[in-house]
Amino acid sequence: MPYVRTKICGITSIQDAQAAVDFGADALGFVFYPSSPRYIHPSDAAAIIHTLPPFVTCVGLFVNAEHEMLKKTVSDTGVDLVQFHGDESEYECGLSSKPWIKAIRVGEETDLAAEAKRYNGANSLLLDTMVRGSYGGTGKTFDWSLVPKNIDKPIILAGGLDQENVIGAINVTSPYAVDVSGGVELKKGVKDHAKMEEFIKRVRSIEK
């Protein structure tokens, strides 16, 4: 199986960021959505990003953010990639000065092929669990069999992943990458380093 990349999302401290990188994370996610318990102030994110080694992708997560705020945050923090996790249109996403990914909340009625066409400019689609009234971070999985094999975008699989289910999830969906947050936490916004290490180790084991 091709190499599956790992993104650790909801980073709020330099200790968690460095541990994730040491364990082999390919990307780190920083949540710039003030209503999230994993929110990080842009100045704090910038301080963390400044310490990271090269070739680690830093992703800024936004939910229905005003364009000027998003533009300033991207500039101030130095993130490499923008993750739109709200109800943003293709046009709004396309205003980003950085490559971007679009989160799609998946339920029984979700047409992922249509969403891939709708967000044609996306670098990839991140698939999260449809929970009404929530923009993600629920810790709930969705039915992975809903992911079509021929979707015309790289897929980042999210939604309730942890060290116990990630191998099964990868085997069903064959994603480009997996994204974990709550599944490797001690509490919201604070990572469990042993869980992070084991999660990444299990993802890497699939290549062998």
Protein backbone atom coordinates (compact mmCIF):
# COMPACT_ATOMS: atom_id res chain seq x y z
CA MET A 1 0.00 0.00 0.00
CA PRO A 2 1.29 3.53 -0.78
CA TYR A 3 2.61 5.69 2.02
CA VAL A 4 -0.27 7.15 4.07
CA ARG A 5 0.49 10.52 5.59
CA THR A 6 -0.50 11.53 9.11
CA LYS A 7 -1.81 14.89 10.30
CA ILE A 8 -2.09 15.64 14.02
CA CYS A 9 -4.72 18.35 14.44
CA GLY A 10 -5.59 20.62 17.34
CA ILE A 11 -2.01 21.43 18.35
CA THR A 12 -1.90 24.02 21.14
CA SER A 13 1.58 23.67 22.67
CA ILE A 14 5.17 23.51 21.53
CA GLN A 15 5.67 20.30 23.52
CA ASP A 16 2.88 18.52 21.64
CA ALA A 17 4.08 19.88 18.29
CA GLN A 18 7.65 18.72 18.80
CA ALA A 19 6.56 15.31 20.05
CA ALA A 20 4.31 14.82 17.03
CA VAL A 21 7.17 15.70 14.69
CA ASP A 22 9.59 13.43 16.56
CA PHE A 23 7.13 10.54 16.18
CA GLY A 24 6.93 11.15 12.43
CA ALA A 25 3.84 13.29 11.81
CA ASP A 26 3.77 14.73 8.30
CA ALA A 27 1.49 17.64 9.14
CA LEU A 28 0.25 19.61 12.14
CA GLY A 29 -3.12 21.34 12.35
CA PHE A 30 -3.78 24.63 14.17
CA VAL A 31 -7.41 25.55 14.89
CA PHE A 32 -8.21 29.23 14.34
CA TYR A 33 -11.91 28.85 15.15
CA PRO A 34 -12.55 30.71 18.44
CA SER A 35 -15.52 28.52 19.41
CA SER A 36 -13.37 25.37 19.40
CA PRO A 37 -11.89 24.03 22.65
CA ARG A 38 -8.72 23.46 20.60
CA TYR A 39 -8.47 27.09 19.48
CA ILE A 40 -4.99 28.60 19.43
CA HIS A 41 -4.24 32.30 19.14
CA PRO A 42 -2.37 33.08 15.92
CA SER A 43 0.61 34.55 17.80
CA ASP A 44 0.98 31.33 19.80
CA ALA A 45 0.72 29.25 16.63
CA ALA A 46 3.36 31.41 14.95
CA ALA A 47 5.74 30.85 17.86
CA ILE A 48 5.32 27.08 17.52
CA ILE A 49 5.59 27.03 13.72
CA HIS A 50 8.81 29.05 13.90
CA THR A 51 10.49 26.22 15.86
CA LEU A 52 9.54 23.38 13.49
CA PRO A 53 12.00 21.67 11.16
CA PRO A 54 11.57 21.80 7.38
CA PHE A 55 9.23 19.47 5.49
CA VAL A 56 6.52 19.49 8.17
CA THR A 57 3.31 20.91 6.69
CA CYS A 58 1.49 23.38 8.93
CA VAL A 59 -2.26 23.61 8.34
CA GLY A 60 -4.52 26.44 9.51
CA LEU A 61 -8.13 25.39 10.17
CA PHE A 62 -10.85 28.01 9.71
CA VAL A 63 -14.65 27.91 10.01
CA ASN A 64 -16.58 30.55 8.07
CA ALA A 65 -13.87 33.11 8.76
CA GLU A 66 -13.99 36.63 7.35
CA HIS A 67 -11.53 36.89 4.49
CA GLU A 68 -9.43 39.70 5.98
CA MET A 69 -9.06 37.83 9.27
CA LEU A 70 -8.08 34.67 7.43
CA LYS A 71 -5.60 36.55 5.24
CA LYS A 72 -3.94 38.19 8.26
CA THR A 73 -3.79 34.93 10.23
CA VAL A 74 -2.20 33.07 7.33
CA SER A 75 0.36 35.83 6.90
CA ASP A 76 1.13 36.20 10.61
CA THR A 77 1.48 32.48 11.35
CA GLY A 78 3.21 31.19 8.24
CA VAL A 79 0.93 28.18 7.74
CA ASP A 80 1.50 26.28 4.50
CA LEU A 81 -2.04 25.14 3.83
CA VAL A 82 -5.55 26.37 4.64
CA GLN A 83 -8.28 23.98 5.77
CA PHE A 84 -11.82 25.29 5.26
CA HIS A 85 -14.01 23.46 7.75
CA GLY A 86 -17.26 25.43 7.54
CA ASP A 87 -19.85 26.28 4.90
CA GLU A 88 -17.47 28.13 2.61
CA SER A 89 -18.20 28.21 -1.12
CA GLU A 90 -15.71 27.28 -3.82
CA TYR A 91 -15.34 31.00 -4.55
CA GLU A 92 -14.59 31.87 -0.92
CA CYS A 93 -12.06 29.08 -0.64
CA GLY A 94 -10.43 30.18 -3.87
CA LEU A 95 -9.60 33.58 -2.38
CA SER A 96 -6.96 31.89 -0.24
CA SER A 97 -3.36 32.88 -0.95
CA LYS A 98 -2.28 29.36 0.01
CA PRO A 99 -3.23 25.92 -1.33
CA TRP A 100 -6.39 24.75 0.43
CA ILE A 101 -8.34 21.70 1.42
CA LYS A 102 -12.08 21.51 2.03
CA ALA A 103 -13.66 19.53 4.81
CA ILE A 104 -16.80 17.63 3.84
CA ARG A 105 -19.05 16.27 6.58
CA VAL A 106 -20.15 12.83 5.44
CA GLY A 107 -23.58 11.35 6.00
CA GLU A 108 -25.81 8.89 4.15
CA GLU A 109 -26.95 11.56 1.68
CA THR A 110 -23.51 13.00 0.89
CA ASP A 111 -22.51 12.81 -2.78
CA LEU A 112 -18.72 12.92 -2.56
CA ALA A 113 -18.23 12.82 -6.31
CA ALA A 114 -20.38 15.95 -6.61
CA GLU A 115 -18.50 17.63 -3.75
CA ALA A 116 -15.20 16.94 -5.51
CA LYS A 117 -16.53 18.72 -8.60
CA ARG A 118 -18.02 21.54 -6.52
CA TYR A 119 -14.65 22.23 -4.86
CA ASN A 120 -12.61 21.67 -7.98
CA GLY A 121 -9.84 24.00 -6.84
CA ALA A 122 -9.21 22.10 -3.62
CA ASN A 123 -5.84 20.49 -3.05
CA SER A 124 -7.75 17.60 -1.43
CA LEU A 125 -10.96 16.79 0.43
CA LEU A 126 -10.97 16.07 4.16
CA LEU A 127 -13.80 13.74 5.13
CA ASP A 128 -15.27 14.24 8.60
CA THR A 129 -18.38 12.92 10.30
CA MET A 130 -21.75 14.61 9.76
CA VAL A 131 -23.08 15.67 13.16
CA ARG A 132 -25.81 18.29 12.97
CA GLY A 133 -24.87 21.56 14.60
CA SER A 134 -21.18 20.72 14.68
CA TYR A 135 -18.25 21.63 12.45
CA GLY A 136 -16.15 18.63 13.48
CA GLY A 137 -14.08 17.49 16.40
CA THR A 138 -16.87 15.24 17.67
CA GLY A 139 -14.82 12.05 17.97
CA LYS A 140 -17.45 10.13 15.98
CA THR A 141 -16.72 7.95 12.97
CA PHE A 142 -18.83 7.65 9.82
CA ASP A 143 -19.56 4.73 7.52
CA TRP A 144 -16.27 4.41 5.62
CA SER A 145 -17.93 2.36 2.90
CA LEU A 146 -19.56 5.63 1.72
CA VAL A 147 -16.19 6.75 0.34
CA PRO A 148 -16.09 5.97 -3.41
CA LYS A 149 -12.95 4.44 -4.85
CA ASN A 150 -12.86 6.67 -7.92
CA ILE A 151 -13.19 10.11 -6.35
CA ASP A 152 -11.17 12.65 -8.31
CA LYS A 153 -9.32 14.20 -5.34
CA PRO A 154 -6.82 13.01 -2.75
CA ILE A 155 -8.74 12.03 0.38
CA ILE A 156 -7.78 12.91 3.95
CA LEU A 157 -9.76 10.70 6.31
CA ALA A 158 -10.85 12.19 9.65
CA GLY A 159 -13.64 11.68 12.15
CA GLY A 160 -13.19 9.58 15.28
CA LEU A 161 -9.93 7.92 14.31
CA ASP A 162 -7.69 6.43 17.00
CA GLN A 163 -4.97 3.82 17.30
CA GLU A 164 -7.54 1.02 17.51
CA ASN A 165 -9.48 1.74 14.31
CA VAL A 166 -7.05 3.55 12.02
CA ILE A 167 -5.73 0.45 10.24
CA GLY A 168 -9.26 -0.74 9.46
CA ALA A 169 -10.20 2.74 8.25
CA ILE A 170 -7.21 2.87 5.90
CA ASN A 171 -7.91 -0.61 4.55
CA VAL A 172 -11.49 0.38 3.66
CA THR A 173 -10.87 3.86 2.22
CA SER A 174 -7.25 3.85 0.92
CA PRO A 175 -6.80 7.54 1.80
CA TYR A 176 -3.94 9.85 0.90
CA ALA A 177 -3.70 10.81 4.58
CA VAL A 178 -5.37 10.38 7.96
CA ASP A 179 -6.18 13.19 10.38
CA VAL A 180 -6.49 12.69 14.13
CA SER A 181 -7.22 15.01 17.02
CA GLY A 182 -9.41 13.72 19.85
CA GLY A 183 -8.20 10.15 19.43
CA VAL A 184 -4.72 11.09 20.68
CA GLU A 185 -5.66 13.47 23.50
CA LEU A 186 -5.53 13.48 27.29
CA LYS A 187 -8.17 16.21 27.16
CA LYS A 188 -9.30 18.62 24.45
CA GLY A 189 -6.27 20.55 23.26
CA VAL A 190 -3.72 18.47 25.18
CA LYS A 191 -2.13 15.51 23.41
CA ASP A 192 -1.30 12.12 24.88
CA HIS A 193 2.21 11.50 23.60
CA ALA A 194 2.02 7.73 23.96
CA LYS A 195 -1.19 7.65 21.91
CA MET A 196 0.30 9.91 19.25
CA GLU A 197 3.34 7.69 18.93
CA GLU A 198 1.27 4.51 18.70
CA PHE A 199 -1.16 6.04 16.19
CA ILE A 200 1.65 7.08 13.85
CA LYS A 201 3.43 3.76 14.32
CA ARG A 202 0.31 1.85 13.28
CA VAL A 203 -0.23 4.01 10.20
CA ARG A 204 3.38 3.45 9.18
CA SER A 205 3.07 -0.30 9.72
CA ILE A 206 0.64 -0.60 6.82
CA GLU A 207 3.37 0.18 4.31
CA LYS A 208 5.25 -3.00 5.18
